[in-house]
Amino acid sequence: MKESNDKQHDLELPGLLAALFDDSITDEQFARLDALLLASPEARQMYFDFLQIHGDLPVVAMRMMVEDGRISSRTLPPHGSEARKRSASATASSSRRLVGWMKSRWTSKLPSSKAVVFGLTMLVLGAVSTFVLRPYFRHVETVPFATLTRANDCVWDAKTQPETGARFTAGSLTLTKGLAEIELANGVQLLIEAPTTFDLIDTGRSVLSKGRIVARVPSTGIGYTIDTSKTRIVDLGTEFGVSVDPNRETIVEVFVGVVEANLKNPKASGEKTRRLVAGEAIRVDDSQADQFQTVSFSIERFLRTFSTPSSYEGEELIPFRPSQLSSLNVIRAKHPPTIDGDLADWDLSGEFKASCDKPFTDAYHVRGNMMYDDQYLYIAARVGDPMPMRSIIDPGTNPVLGWMGGSIELRLSTDSKMGWPLQGQLPLLRKGTVNPQDTSERLAHLTLWYYEPRSEPCLMVMQGMNLANRVVNPPGWKGVFRKAADGKSYTLEYAIPWSLLGAASDPPKAGEVCGVCWIANWSDATGKNWKGQLIEIKNPAYFNIRGNKKMTFQFAETWGKAIYLPATGKESTEEK
């Protein structure tokens, strides 16, 4: 049956395209063409292919007409860009004469098939016409109008892999792996998440066959449209996402502003158009007669942010904020806290609070606490994170990348005799004799993260500024993560024995000052792409990392102070 339909399309499509570009298409024919092009990637590719034919074909064909005495040489289109400047009406007139001449001259020499005649017609019309089209393709772009602005781990279904900066004309694109951002000439930004197949039509329209696209539309692009086989989504100044699954189910979700969704095949007595505002979502399934189904809005449904790994602790970090705190009070625990993610049994009097710069202040923030006793160092944090606890960084295979999927890191010293500021640094960067602190086990680097595939809290410990003696999830420690009810933050609570920090026999005591630095890392929704960080508790000389080259994992002198205090007798007043 499919082969029969394909043959029917092969006969039908050229004629419809010829009528479209000859400006003789009827409303009924246009509706049929609209359905064919939306339903068939092959049909769209045929359309795009003949759009690219320029220059020599119309010139050669028209010169043949001149030689045959059908038209005057004055009607010949010039070569190059001048041919594209001819008015639509003059070109359409020449096109119609050319079509008639081709039929009369070549029909007798070719197989008796309308598909062949219309196919030749389609090629010539695609070359000589400057189109003012009906709503399906309002304006055909035959010059590049889209740019690949960013790409992360992308693989395209193409012979040549486009790189950042590549320009696109109208055509079909398939992203099989990764995340890509394409910006149109009118400022519309498309975030494409693999696997996705879509067609760029022009600056006003795209067709999504399968996959996910998030569109951000500025005022210069209002009216931008995404078509699926089921719906036509028209932007009214907004940010919205569209997905099409393998079963052709369409979901539309609005993040900002308003869109208008139109059904292609609505029930006779049903709703044909629905306006959606921010926070609303609809679904259209693969039924014969389409209808809108309201579904719950979910921030997890689409990737809305583009992140690429940046220079660690580099200058272009989002979210980001220069450090503002130089010390943290570490309180002795009156009673060992229960490691359950509930901080009601904590003394929070030493808590620090830090938030990222605007516009990330409300969403990305940290409240950090440290306590201690003779056996353990206790760490607790409440972290604002719109996409919490999603890390897919496997502690068994990639523990050194554990920070990238969303994490808390601490760098600390456990020996007050080292003094402050600390002197340890990465030995490879030191000029001259290596300092004993460079390789001391009393300098520790901790990474705390949650491995979502196994619902597993993780701990990695490395020692010295040479990051030696790495252990991952060793015996003796305890850790818990708890996601907030609103899904926008999480709490972590850890108990780490001093023996893992090189201080089993001589842990810090009340009145001592050691070194410490906190780092909160955020990921995107994939749980593997680092998005940004907040670094806090630092030596004031290094508060603003912009412009200086001393990173906390290379130079211990950048760390702030950990001031160990006796128990206060205070406990949290928060409800359990």
Protein backbone atom coordinates (compact mmCIF):
# COMPACT_ATOMS: atom_id res chain seq x y z
CA MET A 1 0.00 0.00 0.00
CA LYS A 2 2.83 2.35 0.86
CA GLU A 3 4.46 1.78 -2.55
CA SER A 4 1.16 2.62 -4.26
CA ASN A 5 0.85 5.82 -2.25
CA ASP A 6 4.42 6.80 -3.09
CA LYS A 7 3.72 6.36 -6.82
CA GLN A 8 0.59 8.46 -6.49
CA HIS A 9 2.61 11.18 -4.76
CA ASP A 10 5.25 11.02 -7.49
CA LEU A 11 2.56 11.77 -10.06
CA GLU A 12 0.64 14.27 -7.98
CA LEU A 13 3.33 16.40 -6.35
CA PRO A 14 5.02 17.84 -9.48
CA GLY A 15 1.70 19.06 -10.81
CA LEU A 16 0.82 20.73 -7.54
CA LEU A 17 4.21 22.39 -7.34
CA ALA A 18 3.92 23.57 -10.91
CA ALA A 19 0.53 25.10 -10.14
CA LEU A 20 1.90 26.69 -6.99
CA PHE A 21 4.73 28.45 -8.74
CA ASP A 22 2.69 29.27 -11.81
CA ASP A 23 0.25 31.03 -9.46
CA SER A 24 -2.66 28.97 -10.74
CA ILE A 25 -3.12 26.70 -7.73
CA THR A 26 -6.65 26.40 -6.35
CA ASP A 27 -7.51 26.31 -2.66
CA GLU A 28 -8.26 22.60 -2.92
CA GLN A 29 -4.91 21.93 -4.61
CA PHE A 30 -3.11 24.04 -2.04
CA ALA A 31 -4.64 22.09 0.84
CA ARG A 32 -3.51 18.86 -0.82
CA LEU A 33 0.02 20.20 -1.37
CA ASP A 34 0.17 21.34 2.24
CA ALA A 35 -0.73 17.82 3.42
CA LEU A 36 1.79 16.13 1.12
CA LEU A 37 4.68 18.34 2.10
CA LEU A 38 3.98 18.07 5.81
CA ALA A 39 3.60 14.30 5.65
CA SER A 40 6.60 13.43 3.50
CA PRO A 41 10.26 14.36 4.04
CA GLU A 42 10.91 13.12 0.49
CA ALA A 43 8.34 15.57 -0.86
CA ARG A 44 9.92 18.44 1.02
CA GLN A 45 13.36 17.44 -0.22
CA MET A 46 12.08 17.49 -3.79
CA TYR A 47 10.79 20.99 -3.16
CA PHE A 48 14.09 22.15 -1.66
CA ASP A 49 16.14 20.53 -4.41
CA PHE A 50 14.57 22.47 -7.23
CA LEU A 51 14.69 25.69 -5.24
CA GLN A 52 18.45 25.52 -5.44
CA ILE A 53 18.57 25.46 -9.21
CA HIS A 54 19.69 28.88 -10.41
CA GLY A 55 21.23 30.68 -13.31
CA ASP A 56 22.18 28.41 -16.17
CA LEU A 57 19.02 26.29 -16.43
CA PRO A 58 16.60 29.13 -17.14
CA VAL A 59 19.13 30.85 -19.39
CA VAL A 60 19.72 27.72 -21.45
CA ALA A 61 16.01 26.94 -21.66
CA MET A 62 15.07 30.45 -22.72
CA ARG A 63 17.89 30.59 -25.28
CA MET A 64 16.43 27.43 -26.77
CA MET A 65 13.11 29.28 -26.99
CA VAL A 66 14.81 32.20 -28.72
CA GLU A 67 16.41 29.84 -31.22
CA ASP A 68 13.00 28.30 -31.76
CA GLY A 69 11.53 31.77 -32.38
CA ARG A 70 9.07 31.61 -29.48
CA ILE A 71 10.34 34.64 -27.49
CA SER A 72 12.53 37.67 -28.04
CA SER A 73 16.09 37.73 -26.73
CA ARG A 74 15.07 40.79 -24.71
CA THR A 75 13.18 38.48 -22.33
CA LEU A 76 16.31 36.51 -21.42
CA PRO A 77 17.20 36.78 -17.73
CA PRO A 78 20.74 37.98 -17.14
CA HIS A 79 23.27 35.80 -15.31
CA GLY A 80 24.01 36.15 -11.61
CA SER A 81 22.23 38.25 -9.05
CA GLU A 82 20.36 40.39 -11.58
CA ALA A 83 18.19 37.42 -12.44
CA ARG A 84 16.87 37.39 -8.89
CA LYS A 85 15.93 41.08 -9.03
CA ARG A 86 13.29 40.60 -11.72
CA SER A 87 9.78 41.36 -10.48
CA ALA A 88 7.42 38.56 -9.54
CA SER A 89 4.83 39.40 -12.18
CA ALA A 90 7.31 39.61 -15.07
CA THR A 91 8.97 36.37 -14.03
CA ALA A 92 5.68 34.55 -13.63
CA SER A 93 4.70 35.61 -17.15
CA SER A 94 7.98 34.35 -18.61
CA SER A 95 7.61 31.16 -16.59
CA ARG A 96 4.18 30.40 -18.04
CA ARG A 97 5.46 30.85 -21.61
CA LEU A 98 8.46 28.68 -20.82
CA VAL A 99 6.26 25.93 -19.40
CA GLY A 100 4.04 25.93 -22.47
CA TRP A 101 7.05 25.81 -24.78
CA MET A 102 8.63 22.94 -22.86
CA LYS A 103 5.44 20.90 -23.08
CA SER A 104 5.13 21.43 -26.83
CA ARG A 105 8.84 20.91 -27.58
CA TRP A 106 9.69 18.01 -25.29
CA THR A 107 6.51 16.03 -24.67
CA SER A 108 6.86 14.15 -27.93
CA LYS A 109 10.44 13.22 -27.07
CA LEU A 110 9.79 11.95 -23.53
CA PRO A 111 7.71 9.15 -22.03
CA SER A 112 4.06 9.99 -21.90
CA SER A 113 3.94 10.89 -18.24
CA LYS A 114 2.55 13.97 -16.60
CA ALA A 115 5.08 13.43 -13.83
CA VAL A 116 7.95 13.94 -16.28
CA VAL A 117 6.44 17.03 -17.88
CA PHE A 118 5.56 18.54 -14.53
CA GLY A 119 8.97 17.56 -13.16
CA LEU A 120 10.70 19.58 -15.89
CA THR A 121 8.24 22.38 -15.32
CA MET A 122 8.99 22.31 -11.61
CA LEU A 123 12.74 22.58 -12.19
CA VAL A 124 12.49 25.53 -14.53
CA LEU A 125 9.90 27.36 -12.48
CA GLY A 126 12.02 26.85 -9.38
CA ALA A 127 14.91 28.50 -11.21
CA VAL A 128 13.28 31.49 -12.89
CA SER A 129 10.58 32.54 -10.47
CA THR A 130 10.83 34.99 -7.62
CA PHE A 131 7.99 33.86 -5.46
CA VAL A 132 5.42 35.55 -3.33
CA LEU A 133 3.87 32.36 -2.05
CA ARG A 134 0.72 31.29 -0.35
CA PRO A 135 0.81 30.62 3.41
CA TYR A 136 2.65 27.28 3.12
CA PHE A 137 5.92 28.94 2.15
CA ARG A 138 5.35 32.62 2.57
CA HIS A 139 8.78 33.53 1.32
CA VAL A 140 11.21 31.01 -0.09
CA GLU A 141 14.77 31.58 1.08
CA THR A 142 17.30 30.56 -1.58
CA VAL A 143 20.19 32.27 0.18
CA PRO A 144 21.46 31.41 3.67
CA PHE A 145 19.18 32.74 6.39
CA ALA A 146 20.14 30.59 9.39
CA THR A 147 23.39 30.19 11.34
CA LEU A 148 24.60 27.40 13.61
CA THR A 149 25.56 29.55 16.59
CA ARG A 150 26.40 26.85 19.12
CA ALA A 151 26.89 23.08 19.07
CA ASN A 152 27.56 20.63 21.86
CA ASP A 153 28.67 17.07 21.01
CA CYS A 154 26.66 17.22 17.77
CA VAL A 155 26.41 14.56 15.08
CA TRP A 156 24.33 15.39 12.00
CA ASP A 157 22.94 13.03 9.38
CA ALA A 158 25.00 14.66 6.66
CA LYS A 159 28.09 13.91 4.60
CA THR A 160 29.78 17.04 5.91
CA GLN A 161 29.33 17.88 9.57
CA PRO A 162 28.43 21.57 9.98
CA GLU A 163 30.57 23.47 12.45
CA THR A 164 29.73 26.51 14.53
CA GLY A 165 29.21 29.43 12.16
CA ALA A 166 27.85 27.26 9.34
CA ARG A 167 25.09 28.90 7.28
CA PHE A 168 21.91 27.15 6.15
CA THR A 169 19.44 27.72 3.33
CA ALA A 170 16.00 26.10 3.19
CA GLY A 171 16.27 22.37 3.63
CA SER A 172 15.94 19.33 5.86
CA LEU A 173 18.26 18.73 8.83
CA THR A 174 18.61 15.73 11.13
CA LEU A 175 20.52 15.98 14.40
CA THR A 176 21.26 12.44 15.62
CA LYS A 177 23.30 13.38 18.69
CA GLY A 178 23.93 16.42 20.85
CA LEU A 179 22.40 19.85 21.33
CA ALA A 180 22.47 22.63 18.73
CA GLU A 181 21.39 26.25 18.54
CA ILE A 182 20.42 27.83 15.24
CA GLU A 183 19.68 31.53 14.92
CA LEU A 184 17.62 32.88 12.04
CA ALA A 185 18.25 36.18 10.32
CA ASN A 186 15.29 37.77 12.14
CA GLY A 187 16.68 36.87 15.56
CA VAL A 188 14.60 33.74 16.21
CA GLN A 189 16.64 31.17 18.13
CA LEU A 190 15.97 27.45 17.84
CA LEU A 191 17.37 25.05 20.43
CA ILE A 192 17.40 21.55 18.93
CA GLU A 193 17.79 18.47 21.10
CA ALA A 194 18.78 15.22 19.38
CA PRO A 195 17.38 13.07 17.92
CA THR A 196 15.41 15.58 15.85
CA THR A 197 14.48 15.90 12.18
CA PHE A 198 13.15 19.23 10.97
CA ASP A 199 12.96 21.47 7.92
CA LEU A 200 14.03 25.08 7.77
CA ILE A 201 11.56 26.76 5.44
CA ASP A 202 12.41 30.43 5.87
CA THR A 203 12.78 32.99 8.64
CA GLY A 204 9.10 32.63 9.45
CA ARG A 205 8.60 28.91 9.52
CA SER A 206 9.96 25.42 10.25
CA VAL A 207 8.48 21.94 10.04
CA LEU A 208 9.19 19.47 12.86
CA SER A 209 8.94 15.82 11.82
CA LYS A 210 10.24 14.30 15.05
CA GLY A 211 12.17 15.34 18.13
CA ARG A 212 12.23 18.52 20.23
CA ILE A 213 12.69 22.19 19.47
CA VAL A 214 12.51 25.18 21.80
CA ALA A 215 11.96 28.51 20.00
CA ARG A 216 12.81 31.91 21.44
CA VAL A 217 11.14 34.61 19.40
CA PRO A 218 12.04 38.31 19.70
CA SER A 219 9.77 41.13 18.58
CA THR A 220 11.38 41.00 15.14
CA GLY A 221 10.16 37.43 14.67
CA ILE A 222 6.59 37.54 15.99
CA GLY A 223 4.43 35.21 13.94
CA TYR A 224 7.13 32.54 13.69
CA THR A 225 5.47 29.19 13.04
CA ILE A 226 6.37 25.56 13.67
CA ASP A 227 4.35 22.94 11.82
CA THR A 228 3.93 19.30 12.75
CA SER A 229 1.75 16.74 11.02
CA LYS A 230 -0.96 17.50 13.55
CA THR A 231 -0.66 21.14 14.47
CA ARG A 232 0.47 24.56 13.39
CA ILE A 233 1.91 26.60 16.26
CA VAL A 234 2.09 30.35 15.69
CA ASP A 235 4.15 32.53 18.00
CA LEU A 236 2.72 35.73 19.39
CA GLY A 237 5.96 36.89 21.04
CA THR A 238 7.20 34.14 23.30
CA GLU A 239 9.38 31.17 24.18
CA PHE A 240 7.81 27.78 23.57
CA GLY A 241 8.70 24.13 23.04
CA VAL A 242 7.32 21.62 20.53
CA SER A 243 7.93 17.88 20.54
CA VAL A 244 6.90 15.11 18.16
CA ASP A 245 7.47 11.53 19.27
CA PRO A 246 7.87 8.46 16.98
CA ASN A 247 4.11 7.89 17.14
CA ARG A 248 3.55 11.44 15.81
CA GLU A 249 2.12 12.66 19.11
CA THR A 250 2.64 16.42 19.40
CA ILE A 251 3.15 18.32 22.66
CA VAL A 252 3.29 22.12 22.88
CA GLU A 253 4.45 23.91 26.02
CA VAL A 254 4.72 27.66 26.59
CA PHE A 255 7.42 29.09 28.86
CA VAL A 256 6.99 32.82 28.20
CA GLY A 257 4.29 34.79 26.38
CA VAL A 258 1.52 33.41 24.17
CA VAL A 259 1.19 31.02 21.23
CA GLU A 260 -1.73 29.98 19.07
CA ALA A 261 -2.11 26.28 18.28
CA ASN A 262 -4.17 25.23 15.27
CA LEU A 263 -5.31 21.70 14.51
CA LYS A 264 -4.75 20.37 10.99
CA ASN A 265 -7.58 17.82 11.11
CA PRO A 266 -9.99 18.85 13.88
CA LYS A 267 -13.15 17.04 14.80
CA ALA A 268 -16.10 18.49 12.92
CA SER A 269 -17.72 19.80 16.08
CA GLY A 270 -14.53 20.24 18.07
CA GLU A 271 -12.10 23.01 18.93
CA LYS A 272 -9.90 24.12 16.04
CA THR A 273 -7.69 26.75 17.67
CA ARG A 274 -6.41 27.23 21.19
CA ARG A 275 -4.39 30.06 22.64
CA LEU A 276 -1.79 29.00 25.21
CA VAL A 277 -0.12 31.24 27.76
CA ALA A 278 2.99 30.73 29.89
CA GLY A 279 2.69 27.66 32.09
CA GLU A 280 0.22 25.83 29.84
CA ALA A 281 0.73 22.74 27.69
CA ILE A 282 -1.37 20.69 25.26
CA ARG A 283 -1.10 17.31 23.60
CA VAL A 284 -2.42 16.07 20.25
CA ASP A 285 -2.23 12.30 19.78
CA ASP A 286 -2.15 10.20 16.63
CA SER A 287 -5.90 9.80 16.24
CA GLN A 288 -7.73 10.19 12.93
CA ALA A 289 -9.61 13.25 14.14
CA ASP A 290 -7.40 15.59 16.14
CA GLN A 291 -8.36 17.29 19.37
CA PHE A 292 -6.50 19.26 22.04
CA GLN A 293 -5.80 17.52 25.32
CA THR A 294 -4.62 19.62 28.24
CA VAL A 295 -1.55 18.18 29.98
CA SER A 296 0.41 19.33 32.98
CA PHE A 297 3.19 21.82 32.42
CA SER A 298 6.63 20.32 33.14
CA ILE A 299 9.92 22.19 33.21
CA GLU A 300 11.66 18.86 32.65
CA ARG A 301 10.03 18.24 29.27
CA PHE A 302 12.39 20.44 27.25
CA LEU A 303 15.97 21.63 27.43
CA ARG A 304 15.81 25.43 27.51
CA THR A 305 19.42 26.21 28.26
CA PHE A 306 22.49 25.65 26.18
CA SER A 307 25.64 24.76 28.05
CA THR A 308 29.10 23.83 26.90
CA PRO A 309 31.99 22.94 29.17
CA SER A 310 33.88 26.16 29.88
CA SER A 311 37.31 26.71 31.32
CA TYR A 312 36.99 25.40 34.87
CA GLU A 313 36.78 28.41 37.18
CA GLY A 314 37.16 30.50 34.05
CA GLU A 315 35.90 33.97 33.36
CA GLU A 316 32.65 33.29 31.47
CA LEU A 317 30.55 31.38 33.96
CA ILE A 318 26.79 31.45 34.13
CA PRO A 319 25.54 31.38 36.80
CA PHE A 320 28.42 33.14 38.55
CA ARG A 321 29.30 35.55 41.35
CA PRO A 322 32.68 36.72 42.67
CA SER A 323 33.38 35.48 46.19
CA GLN A 324 32.38 37.72 49.08
CA LEU A 325 33.10 35.65 52.21
CA SER A 326 36.56 35.02 53.64
CA SER A 327 35.77 32.65 56.52
CA LEU A 328 33.36 30.02 57.80
CA ASN A 329 32.67 29.04 61.38
CA VAL A 330 32.82 25.28 61.93
CA ILE A 331 30.78 24.43 65.03
CA ARG A 332 31.47 21.47 67.28
CA ALA A 333 28.44 19.18 67.34
CA LYS A 334 26.83 18.81 70.75
CA HIS A 335 25.33 15.54 69.54
CA PRO A 336 26.16 13.65 66.33
CA PRO A 337 23.48 14.58 63.77
CA THR A 338 21.42 11.88 62.14
CA ILE A 339 22.39 11.70 58.46
CA ASP A 340 18.92 11.77 56.95
CA GLY A 341 18.72 15.02 54.96
CA ASP A 342 16.82 16.75 57.77
CA LEU A 343 18.87 19.52 59.42
CA ALA A 344 16.60 19.94 62.44
CA ASP A 345 19.31 18.47 64.69
CA TRP A 346 22.04 20.80 63.38
CA ASP A 347 23.56 23.87 64.97
CA LEU A 348 23.18 26.27 62.04
CA SER A 349 24.77 29.25 63.73
CA GLY A 350 27.80 29.00 61.44
CA GLU A 351 25.79 28.88 58.22
CA PHE A 352 26.88 30.97 55.23
CA LYS A 353 24.52 32.11 52.48
CA ALA A 354 25.49 32.93 48.92
CA SER A 355 23.58 33.55 45.68
CA CYS A 356 24.64 33.96 42.08
CA ASP A 357 24.47 37.25 40.25
CA LYS A 358 21.27 38.46 38.60
CA PRO A 359 19.28 37.15 36.80
CA PHE A 360 20.20 33.87 38.53
CA THR A 361 19.92 35.06 42.13
CA ASP A 362 16.56 33.47 42.97
CA ALA A 363 17.23 30.13 41.31
CA TYR A 364 20.90 29.44 42.07
CA HIS A 365 22.00 29.78 45.68
CA VAL A 366 23.69 27.91 48.52
CA ARG A 367 23.36 27.76 52.31
CA GLY A 368 26.35 25.85 53.68
CA ASN A 369 27.19 24.45 57.12
CA MET A 370 30.02 22.51 58.73
CA MET A 371 30.20 20.84 62.14
CA TYR A 372 32.69 18.46 63.70
CA ASP A 373 33.42 16.10 66.56
CA ASP A 374 36.29 13.76 67.36
CA GLN A 375 35.31 11.19 64.71
CA TYR A 376 33.67 13.08 61.83
CA LEU A 377 33.55 16.23 59.80
CA TYR A 378 29.88 16.99 59.07
CA ILE A 379 28.82 18.86 55.94
CA ALA A 380 25.33 20.12 55.09
CA ALA A 381 24.07 22.29 52.26
CA ARG A 382 20.78 23.51 50.89
CA VAL A 383 21.25 24.26 47.22
CA GLY A 384 18.89 26.14 44.91
CA ASP A 385 18.83 24.26 41.63
CA PRO A 386 16.02 24.31 39.02
CA MET A 387 17.20 20.88 37.80
CA PRO A 388 18.36 19.12 40.99
CA MET A 389 19.94 15.72 41.53
CA ARG A 390 20.13 14.70 37.86
CA SER A 391 23.79 13.76 37.54
CA ILE A 392 24.55 10.80 35.30
CA ILE A 393 28.29 10.95 36.00
CA ASP A 394 29.04 7.37 37.04
CA PRO A 395 31.30 7.18 40.13
CA GLY A 396 32.59 3.84 38.86
CA THR A 397 33.81 5.12 35.50
CA ASN A 398 34.21 8.93 35.59
CA PRO A 399 34.56 10.06 39.21
CA VAL A 400 36.95 12.91 38.34
CA LEU A 401 34.11 14.43 36.32
CA GLY A 402 31.61 14.05 39.13
CA TRP A 403 31.52 17.83 39.63
CA MET A 404 30.14 18.42 36.12
CA GLY A 405 26.70 16.91 36.66
CA GLY A 406 25.82 19.12 39.63
CA SER A 407 27.75 18.88 42.89
CA ILE A 408 29.25 20.45 45.99
CA GLU A 409 33.03 20.53 46.24
CA LEU A 410 35.13 21.38 49.27
CA ARG A 411 38.85 22.03 49.46
CA LEU A 412 40.20 22.04 52.98
CA SER A 413 43.18 21.61 55.25
CA THR A 414 42.97 19.60 58.48
CA ASP A 415 46.19 20.79 60.13
CA SER A 416 46.23 24.23 61.73
CA LYS A 417 50.05 24.09 61.91
CA MET A 418 50.12 24.69 58.16
CA GLY A 419 49.04 28.25 58.91
CA TRP A 420 46.96 30.58 56.78
CA PRO A 421 47.15 31.47 53.95
CA LEU A 422 48.22 27.99 52.92
CA GLN A 423 51.30 27.54 50.78
CA GLY A 424 50.52 24.34 48.88
CA GLN A 425 50.16 24.41 45.12
CA LEU A 426 50.12 22.06 42.17
CA PRO A 427 53.75 20.84 42.01
CA LEU A 428 53.90 21.14 38.23
CA LEU A 429 53.35 24.88 38.54
CA ARG A 430 55.97 25.48 41.20
CA LYS A 431 59.27 27.02 40.25
CA GLY A 432 62.02 25.70 42.46
CA THR A 433 61.82 23.34 45.44
CA VAL A 434 58.51 21.59 46.10
CA ASN A 435 56.81 22.69 49.34
CA PRO A 436 55.83 19.82 51.71
CA GLN A 437 52.25 21.11 51.62
CA ASP A 438 52.09 20.37 47.90
CA THR A 439 51.77 16.64 48.55
CA SER A 440 50.40 16.61 52.10
CA GLU A 441 47.56 14.25 52.94
CA ARG A 442 46.26 16.98 55.26
CA LEU A 443 45.03 18.91 52.20
CA ALA A 444 41.87 17.31 50.84
CA HIS A 445 39.59 17.83 47.84
CA LEU A 446 36.04 16.48 48.24
CA THR A 447 33.35 16.06 45.58
CA LEU A 448 29.81 15.32 46.77
CA TRP A 449 27.21 14.42 44.16
CA TYR A 450 24.09 12.35 43.59
CA TYR A 451 24.20 9.64 40.90
CA GLU A 452 20.61 9.62 39.66
CA PRO A 453 20.58 6.29 37.73
CA ARG A 454 21.18 4.40 41.00
CA SER A 455 19.77 7.01 43.42
CA GLU A 456 23.21 6.97 45.00
CA PRO A 457 25.01 9.65 47.04
CA CYS A 458 28.68 9.76 46.04
CA LEU A 459 31.94 10.91 47.58
CA MET A 460 35.36 11.31 45.99
CA VAL A 461 38.40 12.27 48.07
CA MET A 462 41.78 13.33 46.71
CA GLN A 463 44.76 14.46 48.77
CA GLY A 464 47.47 17.07 48.28
CA MET A 465 47.65 19.68 45.58
CA ASN A 466 48.86 16.88 43.31
CA LEU A 467 45.36 15.34 43.72
CA ALA A 468 46.77 11.97 44.77
CA ASN A 469 45.40 8.93 46.65
CA ARG A 470 41.99 9.22 45.01
CA VAL A 471 39.25 7.13 46.62
CA VAL A 472 35.62 6.93 45.54
CA ASN A 473 32.83 5.89 47.89
CA PRO A 474 35.25 4.43 50.46
CA PRO A 475 34.05 2.67 53.63
CA GLY A 476 33.13 4.66 56.69
CA TRP A 477 31.31 7.75 55.37
CA LYS A 478 27.58 8.45 55.23
CA GLY A 479 25.63 10.73 52.91
CA VAL A 480 22.05 11.60 51.98
CA PHE A 481 20.40 13.83 49.37
CA ARG A 482 16.82 15.06 49.66
CA LYS A 483 14.98 16.89 46.90
CA ALA A 484 12.62 19.70 47.89
CA ALA A 485 8.92 19.24 47.30
CA ASP A 486 8.83 21.99 44.68
CA GLY A 487 11.67 20.37 42.71
CA LYS A 488 13.74 23.56 42.74
CA SER A 489 16.36 22.75 45.38
CA TYR A 490 17.94 19.95 47.35
CA THR A 491 19.54 19.29 50.73
CA LEU A 492 22.64 17.17 51.23
CA GLU A 493 24.07 15.90 54.51
CA TYR A 494 27.38 14.05 54.91
CA ALA A 495 29.47 12.59 57.73
CA ILE A 496 33.09 12.00 56.68
CA PRO A 497 35.53 10.32 59.07
CA TRP A 498 38.71 12.26 59.82
CA SER A 499 40.63 9.16 58.78
CA LEU A 500 39.73 9.86 55.14
CA LEU A 501 41.11 13.38 55.55
CA GLY A 502 44.50 12.44 56.92
CA ALA A 503 43.57 13.50 60.48
CA ALA A 504 42.51 10.33 62.28
CA SER A 505 44.81 10.96 65.25
CA ASP A 506 44.86 14.76 65.25
CA PRO A 507 41.63 16.35 63.96
CA PRO A 508 41.09 20.13 64.24
CA LYS A 509 40.08 21.45 67.66
CA ALA A 510 38.16 24.45 68.93
CA GLY A 511 40.19 27.62 68.53
CA GLU A 512 42.18 26.39 65.53
CA VAL A 513 42.14 27.96 62.08
CA CYS A 514 42.53 25.88 58.94
CA GLY A 515 41.80 26.47 55.26
CA VAL A 516 38.53 25.85 53.38
CA CYS A 517 36.78 26.69 50.11
CA TRP A 518 33.30 25.76 48.91
CA ILE A 519 32.21 25.33 45.28
CA ALA A 520 28.65 24.72 44.11
CA ASN A 521 28.39 23.36 40.57
CA TRP A 522 25.25 23.32 38.44
CA SER A 523 24.40 21.19 35.44
CA ASP A 524 21.80 21.44 32.70
CA ALA A 525 18.85 19.06 32.49
CA THR A 526 20.97 16.27 30.99
CA GLY A 527 22.90 15.86 34.23
CA LYS A 528 26.24 15.82 32.41
CA ASN A 529 26.88 19.28 30.98
CA TRP A 530 28.35 21.72 33.46
CA LYS A 531 26.46 25.01 33.46
CA GLY A 532 28.20 27.21 36.00
CA GLN A 533 29.34 27.57 39.57
CA LEU A 534 29.55 29.64 42.71
CA ILE A 535 32.87 29.73 44.60
CA GLU A 536 32.74 30.93 48.19
CA ILE A 537 34.95 31.21 51.29
CA LYS A 538 38.15 32.50 49.71
CA ASN A 539 41.20 34.53 50.55
CA PRO A 540 40.08 38.14 49.96
CA ALA A 541 43.09 38.67 47.72
CA TYR A 542 41.43 36.29 45.27
CA PHE A 543 37.76 37.19 45.66
CA ASN A 544 37.29 38.11 42.01
CA ILE A 545 38.76 35.42 39.79
CA ARG A 546 38.26 37.52 36.68
CA GLY A 547 41.68 38.55 35.50
CA ASN A 548 43.74 36.38 37.85
CA LYS A 549 45.09 32.96 36.97
CA LYS A 550 45.17 31.28 40.38
CA MET A 551 42.52 28.60 40.61
CA THR A 552 41.41 26.96 43.84
CA PHE A 553 42.37 23.46 42.72
CA GLN A 554 45.90 24.64 41.85
CA PHE A 555 46.73 27.14 44.62
CA ALA A 556 45.72 26.53 48.26
CA GLU A 557 46.56 30.17 49.07
CA THR A 558 43.23 31.09 47.41
CA TRP A 559 41.24 29.26 50.11
CA GLY A 560 39.51 31.09 52.94
CA LYS A 561 39.53 30.35 56.67
CA ALA A 562 37.77 27.55 58.54
CA ILE A 563 37.46 28.74 62.15
CA TYR A 564 36.76 25.82 64.50
CA LEU A 565 34.54 26.83 67.44
CA PRO A 566 33.24 25.02 70.53
CA ALA A 567 29.67 23.78 70.76
CA THR A 568 27.11 26.52 71.27
CA GLY A 569 24.24 24.40 72.47
CA LYS A 570 22.07 25.77 69.66
CA GLU A 571 20.00 23.59 67.42
CA SER A 572 17.97 24.33 64.33
CA THR A 573 14.49 25.71 64.86
CA GLU A 574 13.33 24.35 61.52
CA GLU A 575 10.48 21.87 61.51
CA LYS A 576 11.18 18.31 60.55
